[in-house]
Amino acid sequence: MKFNTYLGKPIEGSFERYLEGSRDKRDSSVQEKNSGEDKGSYIYLPKHKLYIAKERTNFNKNWYQAHESLHDENARMLTLAEFADFLNTLRNGNSEFKRIYSEITEVRDPSRAEWIDADFKVVNNILHINYNHRTLNGRLTPQNSERLEACLMEDCRVDLNSFNRQGLPTRKGNDFDYYFPRSDNNSVAWFRASSDRAFLDCDWNPGGSYSSLGVRAARNRI
């Protein structure tokens, strides 16, 4: 005898419904882990266990000076991976988060820019990314130095959802412009938006500075 119901519920499709329910719970768990929490002047990213300032500070400083100022404040600069996750969190968040996303990426005046903790160096003829810098014995020192993983190595527009573990894009898209890392041993990362375009630049001179260029403080606790 074939039963079509159990405890008053249809049997057919029950396994599929179970899988769908499990998938929904898993997706909800992942979304919760990747979502940000509003903490006043900061946004907390559970994925990185990191508090990120809503506003930029330390304007008109070059890349080295920005690091130094943040370290004096017991803070640090965002890595590329953290910055990419931060942008995604803002874009998919509440109205306040979306406002900050627009402040960072919207194509309009005035110009806005911020430093990112990524330095590109050639080691044994292979391009590496140095990040997670700290000031040790008075010297700026990366805590991570890795061979550059597969990413787009051309200037183009990119898809924010395609960024890899190191925070670099792997797929073209329409989110913003991108300038790929160069092998000149003098390139760091920053993000800039103005009236003509918004772009992630991994080919910028670390010694440059101007009045609208700042940095976003990141802290493990506030």
Protein backbone atom coordinates (compact mmCIF):
# COMPACT_ATOMS: atom_id res chain seq x y z
CA MET A 1 0.00 0.00 0.00
CA LYS A 2 1.33 3.45 -0.91
CA PHE A 3 0.77 6.34 1.46
CA ASN A 4 0.58 9.86 0.08
CA THR A 5 0.48 11.62 3.43
CA TYR A 6 2.09 11.30 6.88
CA LEU A 7 0.58 13.03 9.92
CA GLY A 8 -1.63 14.96 7.54
CA LYS A 9 1.25 16.29 5.42
CA PRO A 10 2.01 15.26 1.82
CA ILE A 11 4.97 12.91 1.46
CA GLU A 12 5.78 13.69 -2.17
CA GLY A 13 8.46 16.38 -2.37
CA SER A 14 9.21 16.20 1.35
CA PHE A 15 12.91 15.50 0.84
CA GLU A 16 13.19 18.41 -1.58
CA ARG A 17 11.43 20.64 0.95
CA TYR A 18 13.85 19.48 3.64
CA LEU A 19 16.85 20.34 1.43
CA GLU A 20 15.36 23.72 0.57
CA GLY A 21 14.79 24.48 4.26
CA SER A 22 18.36 23.49 5.11
CA ARG A 23 19.65 25.66 2.29
CA ASP A 24 17.59 28.63 3.49
CA LYS A 25 18.98 28.27 7.01
CA ARG A 26 22.53 27.97 5.67
CA ASP A 27 22.12 30.99 3.39
CA SER A 28 20.61 32.97 6.27
CA SER A 29 23.56 32.00 8.49
CA VAL A 30 26.08 33.09 5.85
CA GLN A 31 24.23 36.35 5.25
CA GLU A 32 24.14 37.08 8.99
CA LYS A 33 27.85 36.36 9.29
CA ASN A 34 28.66 38.72 6.41
CA SER A 35 26.27 41.49 7.43
CA GLY A 36 27.45 44.51 9.33
CA GLU A 37 26.27 45.92 12.64
CA ASP A 38 25.83 49.63 13.24
CA LYS A 39 27.93 50.68 16.23
CA GLY A 40 27.53 54.45 16.24
CA SER A 41 30.65 55.87 14.61
CA TYR A 42 31.70 52.41 13.47
CA ILE A 43 30.37 49.44 11.53
CA TYR A 44 31.23 46.02 12.90
CA LEU A 45 32.04 43.26 10.39
CA PRO A 46 31.63 39.86 12.14
CA LYS A 47 33.48 38.10 9.29
CA HIS A 48 36.68 40.00 10.13
CA LYS A 49 35.87 40.74 13.80
CA LEU A 50 36.61 44.33 12.92
CA TYR A 51 35.18 47.77 13.70
CA ILE A 52 35.43 50.12 10.70
CA ALA A 53 35.00 53.87 10.98
CA LYS A 54 32.11 55.41 9.08
CA GLU A 55 34.14 58.53 8.34
CA ARG A 56 37.62 59.08 6.94
CA THR A 57 40.28 60.89 8.95
CA ASN A 58 43.95 61.91 8.64
CA PHE A 59 43.58 63.82 5.39
CA ASN A 60 46.37 65.10 3.19
CA LYS A 61 48.83 62.40 4.26
CA ASN A 62 50.73 60.02 2.05
CA TRP A 63 50.38 56.25 2.40
CA TYR A 64 53.25 55.93 4.90
CA GLN A 65 52.10 58.88 7.01
CA ALA A 66 48.52 57.55 7.08
CA HIS A 67 49.76 54.23 8.45
CA GLU A 68 51.85 56.01 11.06
CA SER A 69 48.97 58.20 12.21
CA LEU A 70 46.59 55.24 12.52
CA HIS A 71 49.11 53.18 14.47
CA ASP A 72 49.61 56.09 16.86
CA GLU A 73 45.84 55.93 17.44
CA ASN A 74 45.92 52.15 18.05
CA ALA A 75 44.12 51.64 14.75
CA ARG A 76 45.14 50.40 11.32
CA MET A 77 44.34 50.67 7.63
CA LEU A 78 41.87 48.35 5.89
CA THR A 79 43.34 45.60 3.73
CA LEU A 80 41.97 45.12 0.22
CA ALA A 81 39.93 42.07 1.27
CA GLU A 82 38.43 43.94 4.22
CA PHE A 83 37.67 46.96 2.05
CA ALA A 84 35.90 44.82 -0.58
CA ASP A 85 33.79 43.09 2.10
CA PHE A 86 33.07 46.48 3.66
CA LEU A 87 31.76 47.81 0.33
CA ASN A 88 29.57 44.75 -0.18
CA THR A 89 28.19 45.08 3.35
CA LEU A 90 27.38 48.74 2.80
CA ARG A 91 25.75 48.16 -0.58
CA ASN A 92 23.48 45.42 0.80
CA GLY A 93 22.73 47.10 4.12
CA ASN A 94 20.25 49.60 5.55
CA SER A 95 19.76 53.19 4.43
CA GLU A 96 22.68 54.45 6.55
CA PHE A 97 24.99 51.80 5.10
CA LYS A 98 23.85 52.65 1.56
CA ARG A 99 24.54 56.34 2.26
CA ILE A 100 28.14 55.52 3.18
CA TYR A 101 28.47 53.30 0.10
CA SER A 102 27.35 56.22 -2.07
CA GLU A 103 29.75 58.55 -0.25
CA ILE A 104 32.62 56.22 -1.20
CA THR A 105 31.64 55.19 -4.74
CA GLU A 106 29.22 57.72 -6.25
CA VAL A 107 30.45 59.50 -9.37
CA ARG A 108 30.06 63.18 -8.42
CA ASP A 109 31.85 66.15 -6.94
CA PRO A 110 33.58 66.71 -4.64
CA SER A 111 36.40 64.21 -5.01
CA ARG A 112 36.74 61.62 -2.23
CA ALA A 113 39.59 59.13 -1.76
CA GLU A 114 41.02 56.78 0.83
CA TRP A 115 44.15 54.71 1.29
CA ILE A 116 44.04 50.90 1.42
CA ASP A 117 46.64 48.60 2.98
CA ALA A 118 48.11 46.87 -0.08
CA ASP A 119 51.65 47.22 -1.40
CA PHE A 120 52.87 45.35 -4.49
CA LYS A 121 56.42 44.10 -4.76
CA VAL A 122 58.31 41.76 -7.07
CA VAL A 123 60.00 38.85 -5.26
CA ASN A 124 62.09 36.42 -7.34
CA ASN A 125 60.46 37.76 -10.51
CA ILE A 126 56.96 37.10 -9.10
CA LEU A 127 54.54 39.86 -8.11
CA HIS A 128 53.52 39.73 -4.44
CA ILE A 129 50.96 41.59 -2.35
CA ASN A 130 52.11 42.90 1.04
CA TYR A 131 49.42 43.84 3.55
CA ASN A 132 48.46 44.00 7.22
CA HIS A 133 51.24 46.48 7.96
CA ARG A 134 52.39 47.32 11.49
CA THR A 135 54.98 49.72 12.82
CA LEU A 136 57.70 47.54 14.36
CA ASN A 137 60.84 49.13 15.81
CA GLY A 138 59.93 52.33 14.00
CA ARG A 139 59.61 50.62 10.61
CA LEU A 140 56.46 49.90 8.59
CA THR A 141 56.41 46.12 8.16
CA PRO A 142 53.86 43.87 6.42
CA GLN A 143 52.62 40.92 8.46
CA ASN A 144 51.53 39.17 5.26
CA SER A 145 53.41 38.84 1.99
CA GLU A 146 51.90 36.49 -0.58
CA ARG A 147 52.21 35.64 -4.22
CA LEU A 148 49.46 37.43 -6.10
CA GLU A 149 46.56 35.07 -6.70
CA ALA A 150 44.68 34.86 -9.99
CA CYS A 151 42.96 38.19 -10.65
CA LEU A 152 42.30 40.60 -13.49
CA MET A 153 45.58 42.01 -14.78
CA GLU A 154 44.18 44.67 -17.07
CA ASP A 155 42.61 48.07 -16.57
CA CYS A 156 38.84 47.62 -16.84
CA ARG A 157 35.50 47.88 -15.04
CA VAL A 158 34.89 45.14 -12.48
CA ASP A 159 32.26 43.20 -10.56
CA LEU A 160 32.49 43.76 -6.79
CA ASN A 161 31.05 40.29 -6.13
CA SER A 162 34.00 38.66 -7.92
CA PHE A 163 36.74 39.80 -5.53
CA ASN A 164 39.06 37.01 -4.36
CA ARG A 165 40.55 36.23 -0.95
CA GLN A 166 43.21 38.92 -1.38
CA GLY A 167 40.61 41.53 -2.30
CA LEU A 168 41.26 41.73 -6.03
CA PRO A 169 38.66 41.32 -8.82
CA THR A 170 38.45 38.21 -10.97
CA ARG A 171 35.62 39.21 -13.29
CA LYS A 172 34.70 42.25 -15.35
CA GLY A 173 31.50 44.08 -14.47
CA ASN A 174 29.94 47.50 -14.08
CA ASP A 175 30.53 48.45 -10.44
CA PHE A 176 33.59 50.70 -10.81
CA ASP A 177 36.87 51.09 -12.68
CA TYR A 178 39.99 49.16 -11.72
CA TYR A 179 43.68 49.71 -12.35
CA PHE A 180 45.63 46.50 -11.89
CA PRO A 181 48.80 46.06 -9.75
CA ARG A 182 52.04 46.97 -11.51
CA SER A 183 55.47 45.39 -11.16
CA ASP A 184 57.30 48.68 -10.58
CA ASN A 185 57.87 48.11 -6.82
CA ASN A 186 56.25 51.48 -6.16
CA SER A 187 52.51 50.78 -6.29
CA VAL A 188 49.97 50.79 -3.47
CA ALA A 189 46.15 50.73 -3.38
CA TRP A 190 43.56 53.44 -2.89
CA PHE A 191 39.94 54.09 -3.85
CA ARG A 192 38.80 57.37 -5.39
CA ALA A 193 35.54 58.79 -6.71
CA SER A 194 34.95 62.13 -8.41
CA SER A 195 32.78 63.69 -11.11
CA ASP A 196 34.26 61.59 -13.92
CA ARG A 197 34.57 58.10 -12.42
CA ALA A 198 35.01 55.88 -9.35
CA PHE A 199 37.91 53.48 -9.26
CA LEU A 200 40.04 51.07 -7.25
CA ASP A 201 43.63 51.87 -8.14
CA CYS A 202 46.39 49.37 -7.36
CA ASP A 203 48.92 51.46 -9.25
CA TRP A 204 49.23 54.58 -7.12
CA ASN A 205 52.34 56.32 -5.80
CA PRO A 206 52.54 55.85 -1.99
CA GLY A 207 54.20 59.26 -1.64
CA GLY A 208 51.24 61.17 -3.07
CA SER A 209 48.75 63.15 -0.99
CA TYR A 210 46.09 65.85 -1.32
CA SER A 211 43.37 67.46 0.77
CA SER A 212 40.46 65.08 0.00
CA LEU A 213 42.55 61.93 0.41
CA GLY A 214 42.05 60.36 3.84
CA VAL A 215 41.99 56.96 5.49
CA ARG A 216 39.39 54.84 7.27
CA ALA A 217 40.39 53.58 10.73
CA ALA A 218 39.91 49.89 11.55
CA ARG A 219 39.98 48.52 15.09
CA ASN A 220 39.56 45.14 16.76
CA ARG A 221 37.77 46.86 19.64
CA ILE A 222 36.32 50.27 20.43
